[in-house]
Each structure stands twice: as structure tokens, then as C-alpha cells.
N, C-alpha and C. Protein backbone atom coordinates (compact mmCIF):
# COMPACT_ATOMS: atom_id res chain seq x y z
N MET A 1 -28.66 -17.78 17.11
CA MET A 1 -29.09 -16.25 15.91
C MET A 1 -29.03 -15.21 16.03
N ILE A 2 -28.70 -14.16 15.40
CA ILE A 2 -28.87 -12.84 16.23
C ILE A 2 -29.48 -12.20 14.79
N GLN A 3 -29.94 -11.07 15.07
CA GLN A 3 -30.90 -9.85 13.61
C GLN A 3 -30.38 -9.30 13.63
N GLU A 4 -31.00 -8.51 12.47
CA GLU A 4 -30.81 -7.52 12.90
C GLU A 4 -32.17 -6.76 11.80
N GLY A 5 -33.48 -6.32 11.83
CA GLY A 5 -33.79 -5.97 11.75
C GLY A 5 -35.16 -7.44 10.92
N GLU A 6 -34.72 -7.43 10.09
CA GLU A 6 -35.47 -8.56 9.54
C GLU A 6 -33.94 -9.82 8.47
N LEU A 7 -32.83 -9.41 9.00
CA LEU A 7 -32.06 -10.55 8.32
C LEU A 7 -31.93 -11.23 10.43
N GLU A 8 -31.54 -12.14 9.97
CA GLU A 8 -31.18 -13.42 11.13
C GLU A 8 -29.55 -13.65 10.43
N PHE A 9 -28.86 -13.94 11.08
CA PHE A 9 -27.18 -14.13 11.35
C PHE A 9 -27.19 -15.79 11.90
N ASP A 10 -26.31 -16.61 11.49
CA ASP A 10 -26.42 -17.07 12.90
C ASP A 10 -24.73 -17.76 12.77
N PHE A 11 -24.12 -16.84 13.70
CA PHE A 11 -22.07 -16.90 13.35
C PHE A 11 -21.57 -18.16 14.18
N ASP A 12 -22.69 -19.36 14.36
CA ASP A 12 -22.53 -20.41 15.18
C ASP A 12 -21.02 -21.30 15.25
N ALA A 13 -20.52 -20.95 14.32
CA ALA A 13 -19.35 -21.71 13.48
C ALA A 13 -18.42 -20.61 13.78
N ALA A 14 -18.01 -19.55 14.21
CA ALA A 14 -17.33 -18.36 14.84
C ALA A 14 -16.59 -18.69 16.30
N ARG A 15 -15.50 -18.85 15.90
CA ARG A 15 -14.64 -18.58 17.51
C ARG A 15 -15.55 -17.50 18.64
N SER A 16 -16.06 -16.63 18.14
CA SER A 16 -17.00 -15.84 19.17
C SER A 16 -17.41 -14.60 18.14
N PHE A 17 -19.10 -13.91 18.52
CA PHE A 17 -19.78 -12.75 17.60
C PHE A 17 -20.22 -12.44 18.90
N GLU A 18 -20.16 -11.05 19.02
CA GLU A 18 -21.57 -10.07 19.24
C GLU A 18 -22.57 -9.20 18.78
N ARG A 19 -23.29 -8.30 19.53
CA ARG A 19 -24.19 -7.02 18.71
C ARG A 19 -22.70 -6.27 19.60
N PHE A 20 -22.88 -5.25 18.40
CA PHE A 20 -21.75 -4.26 19.06
C PHE A 20 -22.50 -2.87 19.34
N ASP A 21 -23.65 -2.72 18.67
CA ASP A 21 -24.24 -1.83 18.67
C ASP A 21 -25.13 -1.38 19.68
N GLU A 22 -25.50 -2.73 20.44
CA GLU A 22 -26.47 -2.73 21.60
C GLU A 22 -26.93 -1.98 22.07
N GLN A 23 -28.51 -1.27 21.94
CA GLN A 23 -29.14 -0.55 22.67
C GLN A 23 -28.71 0.03 23.67
N GLY A 24 -28.92 0.49 25.03
CA GLY A 24 -28.24 0.38 26.39
C GLY A 24 -26.83 0.20 26.79
N VAL A 25 -26.40 -0.04 25.91
CA VAL A 25 -24.60 -0.42 26.55
C VAL A 25 -24.25 1.26 26.10
N PRO A 26 -23.16 1.27 27.69
CA PRO A 26 -22.47 2.60 27.20
C PRO A 26 -21.05 3.22 26.81
N ILE A 27 -21.22 3.99 25.40
CA ILE A 27 -20.00 3.67 24.87
C ILE A 27 -19.66 5.21 24.59
N PRO A 28 -18.28 5.08 24.04
CA PRO A 28 -18.01 7.28 23.96
C PRO A 28 -19.33 8.05 23.23
N VAL A 29 -19.27 9.12 23.93
CA VAL A 29 -20.07 10.31 23.03
C VAL A 29 -19.51 10.25 21.43
N GLY A 30 -20.72 10.00 20.79
CA GLY A 30 -19.93 10.84 19.42
C GLY A 30 -18.91 9.31 18.93
N MET A 31 -19.13 8.03 18.96
CA MET A 31 -19.24 7.11 17.90
C MET A 31 -19.77 6.84 17.42
N LYS A 32 -19.89 6.08 16.99
CA LYS A 32 -20.37 4.86 15.59
C LYS A 32 -20.12 4.30 15.58
N LEU A 33 -21.02 2.38 15.85
CA LEU A 33 -19.86 0.83 16.21
C LEU A 33 -21.15 0.35 14.81
N VAL A 34 -20.51 -1.33 14.24
CA VAL A 34 -20.78 -1.62 13.90
C VAL A 34 -22.36 -2.01 14.54
N ASP A 35 -22.62 -3.05 13.17
CA ASP A 35 -23.93 -3.99 14.32
C ASP A 35 -22.98 -4.57 14.91
N PHE A 36 -22.27 -5.83 13.67
CA PHE A 36 -22.08 -6.99 14.62
C PHE A 36 -20.02 -7.15 14.96
N VAL A 37 -19.07 -8.08 15.17
CA VAL A 37 -17.94 -8.21 15.52
C VAL A 37 -17.90 -10.10 15.07
N VAL A 38 -17.81 -9.63 14.27
CA VAL A 38 -17.28 -11.92 14.35
C VAL A 38 -15.59 -12.03 14.14
N GLU A 39 -15.30 -12.63 15.55
CA GLU A 39 -14.19 -12.59 15.03
C GLU A 39 -13.95 -14.72 14.86
N GLU A 40 -12.98 -14.99 13.93
CA GLU A 40 -12.50 -16.28 13.76
C GLU A 40 -10.97 -16.48 13.94
N ALA A 41 -10.23 -17.72 13.90
CA ALA A 41 -8.69 -18.01 14.55
C ALA A 41 -8.07 -16.78 14.18
N ASN A 42 -8.13 -16.21 12.60
CA ASN A 42 -7.30 -15.57 11.76
C ASN A 42 -7.57 -14.11 11.70
N ARG A 43 -9.25 -13.65 11.98
CA ARG A 43 -9.62 -12.29 11.56
C ARG A 43 -10.55 -12.24 12.20
N ILE A 44 -10.69 -10.68 12.06
CA ILE A 44 -12.15 -10.48 12.54
C ILE A 44 -12.86 -9.47 11.65
N PHE A 45 -14.18 -10.11 11.61
CA PHE A 45 -15.20 -9.55 10.35
C PHE A 45 -15.75 -8.21 11.57
N LEU A 46 -16.14 -6.70 10.92
CA LEU A 46 -16.79 -5.67 11.66
C LEU A 46 -17.80 -5.69 10.51
N ILE A 47 -19.31 -5.83 10.75
CA ILE A 47 -20.13 -6.75 10.11
C ILE A 47 -21.50 -4.91 10.26
N GLU A 48 -21.56 -4.54 9.06
CA GLU A 48 -22.83 -3.10 9.45
C GLU A 48 -23.48 -3.76 7.97
N VAL A 49 -25.18 -3.92 8.92
CA VAL A 49 -26.19 -3.89 8.05
C VAL A 49 -26.72 -3.39 7.84
N LYS A 50 -27.40 -3.22 6.41
CA LYS A 50 -28.17 -1.55 6.40
C LYS A 50 -29.30 -2.44 5.08
N ASP A 51 -30.20 -2.10 5.65
CA ASP A 51 -31.38 -2.62 4.84
C ASP A 51 -32.29 -1.92 4.93
N PRO A 52 -32.26 -1.26 3.40
CA PRO A 52 -33.94 -0.93 2.52
C PRO A 52 -34.43 -1.88 2.43
N SER A 53 -35.05 -3.17 2.17
CA SER A 53 -35.69 -3.71 1.62
C SER A 53 -36.23 -4.43 2.66
N ASP A 54 -35.81 -4.14 4.37
CA ASP A 54 -37.45 -4.88 5.71
C ASP A 54 -38.21 -3.90 4.59
N ARG A 55 -39.26 -4.75 5.23
CA ARG A 55 -40.54 -4.80 5.39
C ARG A 55 -40.43 -3.07 5.84
N GLU A 56 -40.65 -2.33 7.09
CA GLU A 56 -40.88 -1.50 8.40
C GLU A 56 -40.56 -0.25 6.74
N ALA A 57 -39.27 -0.39 6.21
CA ALA A 57 -39.31 0.46 5.61
C ALA A 57 -40.08 1.02 4.32
N GLN A 58 -39.80 2.61 4.96
CA GLN A 58 -40.70 3.34 2.89
C GLN A 58 -40.47 2.81 1.21
N GLU A 59 -41.39 3.02 1.09
CA GLU A 59 -40.88 3.07 -0.49
C GLU A 59 -39.12 4.24 -0.89
N ALA A 60 -40.16 6.02 -0.38
CA ALA A 60 -39.42 6.58 -0.33
C ALA A 60 -37.89 6.72 -0.25
N ALA A 61 -37.59 5.67 1.51
CA ALA A 61 -36.92 6.09 1.72
C ALA A 61 -35.54 4.64 1.34
N ARG A 62 -36.61 3.10 0.45
CA ARG A 62 -36.44 2.25 -0.37
C ARG A 62 -35.04 3.27 -1.56
N ARG A 63 -35.77 4.17 -2.13
CA ARG A 63 -35.58 4.62 -3.21
C ARG A 63 -34.03 5.73 -3.44
N GLU A 64 -34.15 5.85 -2.07
CA GLU A 64 -33.27 5.98 -1.39
C GLU A 64 -32.25 6.43 -1.12
N PHE A 65 -32.38 5.91 -0.41
CA PHE A 65 -30.85 4.20 -0.32
C PHE A 65 -29.87 4.02 -1.46
N GLY A 66 -31.20 3.44 -2.66
CA GLY A 66 -30.36 3.41 -3.61
C GLY A 66 -29.57 4.39 -4.32
N GLN A 67 -30.46 5.18 -4.70
CA GLN A 67 -29.51 6.45 -5.11
C GLN A 67 -28.18 6.91 -3.88
N SER A 68 -28.15 7.02 -2.98
CA SER A 68 -27.22 7.24 -1.84
C SER A 68 -25.80 6.18 -1.82
N MET A 69 -26.14 5.21 -3.03
CA MET A 69 -25.62 4.35 -3.26
C MET A 69 -23.58 4.36 -4.32
N HIS A 70 -24.46 5.71 -5.15
CA HIS A 70 -24.35 6.63 -6.24
C HIS A 70 -23.75 7.47 -5.43
N GLY A 71 -23.37 8.01 -4.45
CA GLY A 71 -23.14 9.42 -4.57
C GLY A 71 -22.10 8.94 -3.08
N ASP A 72 -22.01 10.13 -1.98
CA ASP A 72 -20.67 10.03 -1.54
C ASP A 72 -20.98 9.67 0.29
N GLU A 73 -22.82 9.71 0.52
CA GLU A 73 -22.74 10.15 1.98
C GLU A 73 -22.53 9.42 2.39
N LEU A 74 -23.05 8.03 1.71
CA LEU A 74 -23.50 6.69 2.93
C LEU A 74 -22.13 6.32 3.35
N ILE A 75 -21.52 6.57 2.00
CA ILE A 75 -19.95 6.00 2.36
C ILE A 75 -19.18 6.97 3.15
N ASN A 76 -19.25 8.10 2.98
CA ASN A 76 -18.73 8.78 3.81
C ASN A 76 -19.09 9.47 5.32
N GLY A 77 -20.38 9.27 5.17
CA GLY A 77 -21.10 9.84 6.53
C GLY A 77 -21.64 8.27 7.45
N LYS A 78 -21.83 7.03 6.89
CA LYS A 78 -22.14 6.79 7.63
C LYS A 78 -20.99 5.33 7.53
N LEU A 79 -21.01 4.58 6.73
CA LEU A 79 -20.33 3.72 7.52
C LEU A 79 -18.63 4.09 7.29
N VAL A 80 -17.58 4.98 6.62
CA VAL A 80 -16.19 4.92 7.09
C VAL A 80 -16.64 5.39 8.45
N PRO A 81 -17.59 6.06 9.42
CA PRO A 81 -17.36 5.85 10.45
C PRO A 81 -17.98 5.35 11.53
N LYS A 82 -18.42 4.08 10.37
CA LYS A 82 -18.38 3.06 11.37
C LYS A 82 -17.16 1.75 12.22
N ALA A 83 -16.09 2.07 10.56
CA ALA A 83 -15.73 1.14 10.50
C ALA A 83 -13.95 1.57 11.29
N ARG A 84 -14.19 2.98 11.60
CA ARG A 84 -12.82 3.60 11.85
C ARG A 84 -12.96 3.52 13.67
N ASP A 85 -14.23 3.86 14.55
CA ASP A 85 -15.09 4.63 15.00
C ASP A 85 -15.26 2.60 16.11
N SER A 86 -15.22 1.09 14.67
CA SER A 86 -15.12 0.25 16.56
C SER A 86 -13.57 0.13 15.60
N TYR A 87 -13.00 0.56 15.01
CA TYR A 87 -11.75 -0.29 15.10
C TYR A 87 -11.32 0.48 16.50
N ALA A 88 -11.27 1.71 16.63
CA ALA A 88 -10.48 2.30 17.27
C ALA A 88 -10.62 1.70 19.06
N PHE A 89 -12.17 1.79 19.35
CA PHE A 89 -12.71 0.92 20.14
C PHE A 89 -12.32 -0.17 20.49
N LEU A 90 -12.34 -1.36 19.41
CA LEU A 90 -11.71 -2.74 19.66
C LEU A 90 -10.22 -2.36 20.03
N HIS A 91 -9.17 -1.46 19.22
CA HIS A 91 -7.83 -1.42 19.39
C HIS A 91 -7.37 -0.74 20.89
N LEU A 92 -8.41 0.23 21.04
CA LEU A 92 -8.05 0.71 22.83
C LEU A 92 -8.19 -0.26 23.97
N MET A 93 -9.51 -1.21 23.45
CA MET A 93 -9.94 -2.52 24.53
C MET A 93 -8.26 -3.96 24.18
N GLU A 94 -7.58 -3.43 23.99
CA GLU A 94 -6.72 -4.81 23.04
C GLU A 94 -7.55 -5.45 22.90
N ARG A 95 -7.75 -5.47 21.90
CA ARG A 95 -9.21 -6.22 21.34
C ARG A 95 -9.06 -6.36 18.75
N ASP A 96 -7.72 -6.25 18.95
CA ASP A 96 -7.01 -5.86 17.91
C ASP A 96 -5.84 -7.61 17.62
N ARG A 97 -5.77 -8.22 17.67
CA ARG A 97 -4.91 -9.00 17.16
C ARG A 97 -4.85 -9.67 16.39
N HIS A 98 -6.47 -9.53 15.26
CA HIS A 98 -5.94 -10.61 13.80
C HIS A 98 -6.88 -8.93 12.59
N PRO A 99 -5.92 -9.09 11.24
CA PRO A 99 -6.72 -8.29 10.74
C PRO A 99 -8.02 -8.36 10.93
N PHE A 100 -8.61 -6.85 10.70
CA PHE A 100 -10.18 -6.63 10.20
C PHE A 100 -10.36 -6.65 8.72
N ILE A 101 -12.15 -7.55 8.95
CA ILE A 101 -12.23 -7.37 7.62
C ILE A 101 -13.55 -6.73 7.61
N PHE A 102 -14.05 -5.26 7.15
CA PHE A 102 -15.28 -4.71 7.24
C PHE A 102 -16.29 -5.06 6.41
N VAL A 103 -17.24 -5.60 6.44
CA VAL A 103 -18.17 -6.04 5.96
C VAL A 103 -19.70 -5.51 6.24
N VAL A 104 -20.12 -5.07 4.68
CA VAL A 104 -21.41 -4.26 4.74
C VAL A 104 -22.01 -5.42 3.76
N VAL A 105 -23.20 -5.55 4.18
CA VAL A 105 -24.35 -6.27 4.38
C VAL A 105 -25.34 -5.18 3.44
N LEU A 106 -25.70 -5.38 2.33
CA LEU A 106 -26.80 -4.41 1.44
C LEU A 106 -27.88 -5.22 1.03
N GLY A 107 -29.35 -4.67 1.88
CA GLY A 107 -30.79 -6.03 2.34
C GLY A 107 -31.53 -5.51 1.57
N LEU A 108 -30.50 -5.50 0.03
CA LEU A 108 -31.34 -5.13 -0.95
C LEU A 108 -32.16 -5.74 -2.05
N GLU A 109 -33.51 -6.26 -2.50
CA GLU A 109 -32.97 -7.03 -3.49
C GLU A 109 -33.86 -6.31 -4.48
N ARG A 110 -33.83 -7.62 -6.06
CA ARG A 110 -33.75 -6.33 -6.91
C ARG A 110 -32.96 -5.92 -7.31
N LEU A 111 -31.70 -6.14 -7.25
CA LEU A 111 -30.86 -4.73 -7.62
C LEU A 111 -30.44 -4.90 -8.72
N SER A 112 -30.75 -3.76 -9.73
CA SER A 112 -30.23 -4.42 -10.65
C SER A 112 -28.80 -3.60 -11.25
N ASN A 113 -27.74 -4.97 -11.90
CA ASN A 113 -26.91 -4.80 -12.29
C ASN A 113 -25.98 -4.59 -10.74
N GLU A 114 -25.74 -6.04 -10.41
CA GLU A 114 -25.58 -6.06 -8.43
C GLU A 114 -24.00 -6.02 -8.72
N LYS A 115 -24.03 -7.09 -9.44
CA LYS A 115 -22.55 -6.86 -9.16
C LYS A 115 -21.70 -6.08 -10.13
N ALA A 116 -21.41 -5.38 -10.59
CA ALA A 116 -20.93 -4.28 -11.05
C ALA A 116 -21.15 -2.78 -10.20
N LEU A 117 -22.26 -2.77 -9.55
CA LEU A 117 -22.67 -2.25 -8.12
C LEU A 117 -21.86 -2.27 -7.50
N LEU A 118 -21.81 -3.16 -6.43
CA LEU A 118 -21.22 -3.93 -5.36
C LEU A 118 -19.72 -3.38 -5.07
N LEU A 119 -19.32 -4.17 -6.74
CA LEU A 119 -18.04 -3.80 -7.20
C LEU A 119 -17.51 -2.73 -6.70
N SER A 120 -18.06 -1.46 -7.63
CA SER A 120 -17.87 -0.45 -7.84
C SER A 120 -17.78 0.51 -6.14
N PHE A 121 -19.18 -0.18 -5.71
CA PHE A 121 -19.69 0.17 -4.34
C PHE A 121 -18.10 -0.17 -3.10
N LYS A 122 -17.67 -1.19 -3.41
CA LYS A 122 -16.37 -1.74 -2.54
C LYS A 122 -15.44 -0.95 -2.50
N ASP A 123 -14.81 -0.63 -3.75
CA ASP A 123 -13.86 -0.18 -4.51
C ASP A 123 -13.90 1.56 -3.74
N ARG A 124 -14.30 1.87 -3.77
CA ARG A 124 -14.98 3.59 -3.25
C ARG A 124 -14.72 3.52 -1.93
N LEU A 125 -15.79 2.14 -1.62
CA LEU A 125 -15.39 2.42 0.77
C LEU A 125 -14.61 2.20 1.35
N ILE A 126 -13.79 1.35 0.29
CA ILE A 126 -11.70 0.66 0.60
C ILE A 126 -11.29 1.61 0.47
N LYS A 127 -11.28 2.65 -0.22
CA LYS A 127 -10.84 3.65 -0.84
C LYS A 127 -10.43 5.10 -0.03
N ARG A 128 -11.86 5.12 0.70
CA ARG A 128 -12.05 6.30 1.77
C ARG A 128 -11.81 5.61 2.28
N ILE A 129 -11.63 4.77 3.17
CA ILE A 129 -11.71 3.81 4.71
C ILE A 129 -9.75 4.74 5.02
N ARG A 130 -9.18 4.17 3.59
CA ARG A 130 -7.97 4.33 3.86
C ARG A 130 -7.66 6.02 3.43
N HIS A 131 -7.93 6.58 2.93
CA HIS A 131 -7.79 7.76 2.61
C HIS A 131 -8.73 8.66 3.04
N GLU A 132 -8.47 9.62 4.57
CA GLU A 132 -9.66 10.27 4.63
C GLU A 132 -9.57 11.61 4.36
N ALA A 133 -8.79 11.68 5.06
CA ALA A 133 -8.05 13.08 5.16
C ALA A 133 -6.56 13.66 4.03
N LYS A 134 -5.85 14.95 4.48
CA LYS A 134 -5.80 15.87 3.19
C LYS A 134 -4.41 14.98 3.10
N GLU A 135 -4.17 13.48 3.70
CA GLU A 135 -3.45 12.13 3.14
C GLU A 135 -3.32 10.30 3.48
N PRO A 136 -3.13 9.45 3.14
CA PRO A 136 -3.88 8.51 3.78
C PRO A 136 -3.69 8.20 5.14
N TRP A 137 -4.31 7.72 5.64
CA TRP A 137 -3.52 6.85 6.67
C TRP A 137 -1.92 5.91 6.65
N LYS A 138 -1.49 6.40 7.93
CA LYS A 138 -0.22 5.57 7.50
C LYS A 138 -0.54 4.17 8.30
N LYS A 139 -1.62 3.51 8.81
CA LYS A 139 -2.17 2.91 9.08
C LYS A 139 -2.99 1.75 8.48
N ALA A 140 -2.83 0.92 7.67
CA ALA A 140 -4.47 0.14 6.80
C ALA A 140 -5.18 -0.37 7.83
N TYR A 141 -6.09 0.43 8.90
CA TYR A 141 -6.72 -0.57 9.95
C TYR A 141 -7.85 -1.87 9.35
N ILE A 142 -8.13 -1.61 8.09
CA ILE A 142 -8.83 -2.25 7.43
C ILE A 142 -8.47 -3.26 6.68
N ALA A 143 -8.09 -4.36 6.75
CA ALA A 143 -7.09 -5.20 5.90
C ALA A 143 -7.84 -5.29 3.94
N ASP A 144 -9.24 -5.62 4.15
CA ASP A 144 -10.21 -5.23 3.12
C ASP A 144 -11.51 -5.46 3.61
N CYS A 145 -12.29 -5.27 2.91
CA CYS A 145 -13.93 -4.97 2.49
C CYS A 145 -14.22 -5.89 1.72
N VAL A 146 -16.00 -6.04 2.29
CA VAL A 146 -16.43 -7.27 1.66
C VAL A 146 -18.25 -6.25 1.93
N VAL A 147 -18.34 -6.43 0.26
CA VAL A 147 -19.89 -5.73 0.40
C VAL A 147 -20.68 -6.60 -0.21
N VAL A 148 -21.64 -7.41 0.06
CA VAL A 148 -22.50 -8.41 -0.38
C VAL A 148 -24.26 -7.83 -0.27
N THR A 149 -25.39 -8.90 -0.24
CA THR A 149 -26.01 -8.60 -0.23
C THR A 149 -26.49 -10.01 -0.39
N PRO A 150 -28.55 -9.86 0.88
CA PRO A 150 -28.61 -11.68 1.26
C PRO A 150 -28.01 -12.34 0.08
N ASP A 151 -28.55 -12.13 -1.45
CA ASP A 151 -28.03 -13.35 -2.03
C ASP A 151 -26.98 -13.08 -2.20
N THR A 152 -26.15 -13.06 -2.37
CA THR A 152 -24.66 -13.16 -2.50
C THR A 152 -24.09 -13.79 -0.92
N TRP A 153 -24.36 -13.25 -0.43
CA TRP A 153 -23.83 -13.66 1.37
C TRP A 153 -23.27 -15.63 1.44
N LYS A 154 -23.64 -16.19 1.24
CA LYS A 154 -23.45 -17.43 0.78
C LYS A 154 -22.19 -17.69 0.78
N ALA A 155 -21.89 -16.66 -1.00
CA ALA A 155 -20.47 -17.13 -1.20
C ALA A 155 -20.16 -16.43 -0.74
N ALA A 156 -19.67 -15.38 -0.68
CA ALA A 156 -19.13 -15.48 0.28
C ALA A 156 -18.80 -15.88 2.08
N PHE A 157 -19.42 -16.03 2.18
CA PHE A 157 -19.18 -16.53 3.07
C PHE A 157 -20.28 -17.86 4.09
N PRO A 158 -19.75 -18.71 3.25
CA PRO A 158 -19.96 -20.41 3.29
C PRO A 158 -20.78 -20.78 4.56
N ARG A 159 -19.30 -20.62 5.85
CA ARG A 159 -19.09 -20.83 7.68
C ARG A 159 -20.59 -20.40 7.85
N TYR A 160 -21.45 -19.34 7.12
CA TYR A 160 -22.76 -18.67 7.87
C TYR A 160 -23.87 -18.14 7.66
N GLY A 161 -25.15 -18.31 7.85
CA GLY A 161 -25.85 -18.05 7.17
C GLY A 161 -26.83 -17.20 7.32
N LEU A 162 -27.55 -16.83 6.49
CA LEU A 162 -28.50 -15.55 6.49
C LEU A 162 -29.31 -15.76 6.27
N ALA A 163 -30.82 -15.83 6.66
CA ALA A 163 -31.73 -15.57 6.54
C ALA A 163 -33.14 -14.17 6.80
N ARG A 164 -33.96 -13.99 5.25
CA ARG A 164 -34.16 -12.67 6.10
C ARG A 164 -35.82 -13.90 6.70
N ARG A 165 -36.91 -13.01 8.02
CA ARG A 165 -37.30 -13.38 8.36
C ARG A 165 -38.39 -13.18 7.95
N LYS A 166 -39.72 -14.35 7.44
CA LYS A 166 -40.40 -13.43 7.30
C LYS A 166 -41.98 -13.54 8.53
N SER A 167 -42.80 -12.57 8.49
CA SER A 167 -43.53 -11.80 9.03
C SER A 167 -44.33 -13.23 10.06
N GLY A 168 -43.92 -13.47 11.24
CA GLY A 168 -44.86 -14.61 11.93
C GLY A 168 -44.09 -15.73 11.83
N ALA A 169 -42.91 -15.92 11.58
CA ALA A 169 -41.95 -16.90 10.70
C ALA A 169 -40.75 -16.78 11.94
N THR A 170 -40.31 -17.72 12.23
CA THR A 170 -38.91 -18.02 13.09
C THR A 170 -37.42 -18.46 12.05
N SER A 171 -37.61 -18.05 11.01
CA SER A 171 -36.58 -19.00 10.11
C SER A 171 -35.43 -19.51 10.76
């Protein structure tokens, strides 16, 4: 089990997994890395967790996060740089043997119109990953994106567990 905030993941069925943005581990200045890298036999997941439903988050921050999903700041300013930098790091370390899938876990509960919002968000995210500059990147370094909530995680990743840890519990 590996935890990010209140969300606890079970990647034991993977070939390998690691916390990628571990505090205290030196990384190149200016790089932003995803939370986890999970390797399977034929693909690598770059997993970023954004959890405004965490009990520690303030109500205003939750509202602001929900609004940011409709704009560009979350995608352009936070998610795309993490995908690009994580890929660049793994590429330079010669750890890019398989296609990369960028996975964003949005810890949102009670999301209205969830399916349509997640699909639209995913489409905008992959479009931006592939075209950040005047021209699109020549190399599609991210094969695809998956955007899920804790409720939709199991359908997308049946081999891996995800649970929200309750106060005082060790689920």
C-alpha cells in the first residue's frame, strides 16, 4: 500500500511501482514530477493525484479546484508540466521502455455530471500534452490519458485497489 493524502493505493499486482515525488529526494531544479510511477509488462502509468476532497482541504479550496477544472490553469500550469517533466526524467534515465499513460486521479466526491466533465477534461488534457508550443510535439511521448475519481478508479484499473483512508483507520 502506498498513500497520497487520504487516498491509499494498492499496486502490488504491478511489475513495479514507486513514489516519484518523494520528499527529500533530490531532483533537477525546476522539474515537477508525478506522484507515482507504476510499471506493467507493456506500459508505464504516470499517476498524479489531486484530492480537494481530503478532509484537510478547506471548503474554499475545494470550490476553487472544481472551478479550475473548467479553465486552463490546472491543465496548463500543473498537470502538463508534471507529465512532461516526469517523462523527460524517465527518458534521460533510460526508463522509457514502454508507452506512457498519464493518469490523473481527481479525489472529487459528489461531482455533478461526472462522466461528461471527466471526458471533456481528459480531451483538453491530452490535446495540451501533445501541443504546448507553436507546433505540436513531433513525438507523442504520452500515449494516452486517463482521468478518474475514486468512484471510477476500479472500472479503469481493476487490478489495483484504491480507498479513502478514514480518520484513525488503516483500510
